[in-house]
Protein backbone atom coordinates (compact mmCIF):
# COMPACT_ATOMS: atom_id res chain seq x y z
CA MET A 1 11.68 8.11 -0.97
CA ALA A 2 8.10 8.52 -2.67
CA THR A 3 8.31 9.23 -6.93
CA LYS A 4 6.62 12.56 -7.99
CA PHE A 5 3.98 10.60 -9.50
CA GLU A 6 3.15 9.07 -5.93
CA GLU A 7 3.30 12.60 -4.84
CA PHE A 8 0.43 13.98 -7.72
CA ARG A 9 -1.14 10.50 -5.93
CA THR A 10 -2.17 11.97 -3.02
CA GLN A 11 -2.79 16.23 -3.36
CA PRO A 12 -6.37 17.29 -3.47
CA GLU A 13 -7.48 18.26 -7.33
CA ALA A 14 -7.71 21.67 -6.66
CA GLN A 15 -3.79 21.80 -5.55
CA LEU A 16 -2.99 20.07 -8.70
CA LYS A 17 -4.42 22.22 -11.20
CA ALA A 18 -3.36 25.19 -9.60
CA ARG A 19 0.42 23.71 -9.52
CA HIS A 20 -1.28 22.33 -13.92
CA LYS A 21 -1.03 26.28 -14.25
CA GLU A 22 1.79 27.13 -12.61
CA LEU A 23 4.11 24.89 -14.91
CA THR A 24 2.33 25.76 -17.83
CA GLN A 25 2.92 29.98 -16.87
CA GLN A 26 6.08 28.88 -16.44
CA ASN A 27 7.51 26.97 -19.16
CA PHE A 28 5.26 29.52 -21.84
CA GLN A 29 7.53 32.15 -20.05
CA ALA A 30 10.81 30.35 -20.83
CA ARG A 31 10.26 30.43 -24.44
CA PHE A 32 10.50 33.80 -25.12
CA THR A 33 13.75 34.63 -22.73
CA SER A 34 16.88 32.95 -23.24
CA GLU A 35 16.16 30.53 -20.38
CA ALA A 36 16.07 28.00 -22.86
CA MET A 37 19.29 28.48 -24.26
CA THR A 38 21.46 27.01 -21.46
CA PRO A 39 21.54 23.12 -20.56
CA ALA A 40 20.64 23.99 -16.78
CA LYS A 41 17.57 25.98 -17.92
CA GLY A 42 16.48 23.38 -20.88
CA ALA A 43 16.92 20.49 -18.13
CA GLN A 44 13.91 22.42 -15.95
CA ILE A 45 12.22 22.45 -18.47
CA LYS A 46 11.88 19.54 -19.66
CA ALA A 47 11.83 18.37 -15.94
CA ARG A 48 8.48 20.66 -15.43
CA ARG A 49 7.09 19.09 -19.04
CA ARG A 50 7.71 15.50 -17.26
CA ASP A 51 5.61 16.64 -14.32
CA LEU A 52 3.11 18.25 -16.07
CA ALA A 53 2.46 15.07 -17.95
CA ARG A 54 2.16 13.19 -14.30
CA ILE A 55 -0.21 16.07 -13.23
CA GLN A 56 -2.00 15.52 -16.44
CA THR A 57 -1.84 11.45 -15.91
CA VAL A 58 -3.51 11.84 -12.55
CA LEU A 59 -6.03 14.04 -13.48
CA ALA A 60 -7.34 12.13 -16.65
CA GLY A 61 -7.48 9.09 -13.98
CA ARG A 62 -9.87 10.77 -11.63
CA ALA A 63 -11.49 11.92 -14.27
CA ALA A 64 -12.59 8.56 -15.67
CA LEU A 65 -12.92 6.72 -12.38
CA THR A 66 -15.42 9.26 -11.79
CA ARG A 67 -17.24 8.54 -15.21
CA LEU A 68 -17.05 4.50 -14.79
CA GLU A 69 -18.30 4.81 -10.79
CA ALA A 70 -21.37 6.09 -12.42
CA GLU A 71 -21.36 4.06 -14.93
CA HIS A 72 -21.53 1.15 -12.38
CA LYS A 73 -23.95 2.41 -10.10
CA LYS A 74 -26.22 2.87 -13.70
CA LEU A 75 -25.43 -1.01 -14.31
CA ASP A 76 -26.24 -1.59 -10.30
CA GLU A 77 -29.52 0.01 -10.60
CA ARG A 78 -30.44 -2.10 -14.96
CA LEU A 79 -29.06 -5.50 -12.99
CA LYS A 80 -31.69 -4.70 -10.24
CA LYS A 81 -34.63 -3.76 -13.27
CA LEU A 82 -33.70 -6.75 -15.22
CA GLY A 83 -33.56 -9.22 -12.74
CA LYS A 84 -33.50 -12.69 -13.80
CA ALA A 85 -33.76 -13.40 -17.90
CA ASP A 86 -36.92 -15.63 -18.56
CA PRO A 87 -35.39 -18.79 -20.19
CA ARG A 88 -37.30 -18.89 -23.29
CA ASN A 89 -37.01 -14.78 -23.95
CA ALA A 90 -33.06 -15.30 -26.13
CA GLN A 91 -33.33 -11.39 -26.11
CA GLN A 92 -33.86 -11.02 -22.24
CA ARG A 93 -31.34 -13.26 -21.46
CA LYS A 94 -28.64 -11.78 -24.13
CA THR A 95 -29.31 -8.14 -22.75
CA LEU A 96 -28.56 -9.28 -19.24
CA LYS A 97 -25.83 -10.93 -20.06
CA ALA A 98 -24.23 -8.32 -22.28
CA THR A 99 -25.12 -6.05 -18.97
CA ARG A 100 -23.04 -8.46 -16.09
CA GLU A 101 -19.86 -8.66 -18.69
CA ARG A 102 -20.03 -4.66 -18.94
CA HIS A 103 -20.81 -4.41 -15.19
CA ALA A 104 -17.83 -6.92 -14.73
CA GLU A 105 -15.72 -5.02 -17.11
CA VAL A 106 -16.15 -1.74 -15.27
CA ALA A 107 -15.55 -2.93 -11.71
CA ARG A 108 -12.27 -4.06 -12.80
CA ALA A 109 -11.89 -0.96 -14.16
CA ILE A 110 -12.16 1.01 -11.52
CA LYS A 111 -10.28 -1.47 -9.06
CA ALA A 112 -7.47 -0.53 -11.17
CA LEU A 113 -8.20 2.69 -11.67
CA SER A 114 -8.39 3.18 -7.63
CA SER A 115 -4.57 4.09 -7.38
CA VAL A 116 -4.94 7.64 -8.35
CA LYS A 117 -8.04 8.40 -6.76
CA ALA A 118 -7.26 11.54 -4.18
CA LYS A 119 -6.32 10.03 -0.22
């Protein structure tokens, strides 16, 4: 059986945003009724808050993945532009090394976040 988080990961972004808005509205309305006073209703509010957190996690992960993919593309272009560093130029070697390290960090982060991508 799939967990709720896995279910949210497979949903498209528009559907997640709509569900987020719906849950937020339900929790808002529950505050002004006697709904929060009963244990069963309180548990439902708690479950909605957790679903909201799961949805926000998936949406934030997707946004981060988009930013990282754009940065990865820019770093690829920059590495191509830099080419091979001149062994006599210390600043050029330092810049190339830092760019390669950042490129590797971004690649690892993309790999880690690829699970939140909509399928």
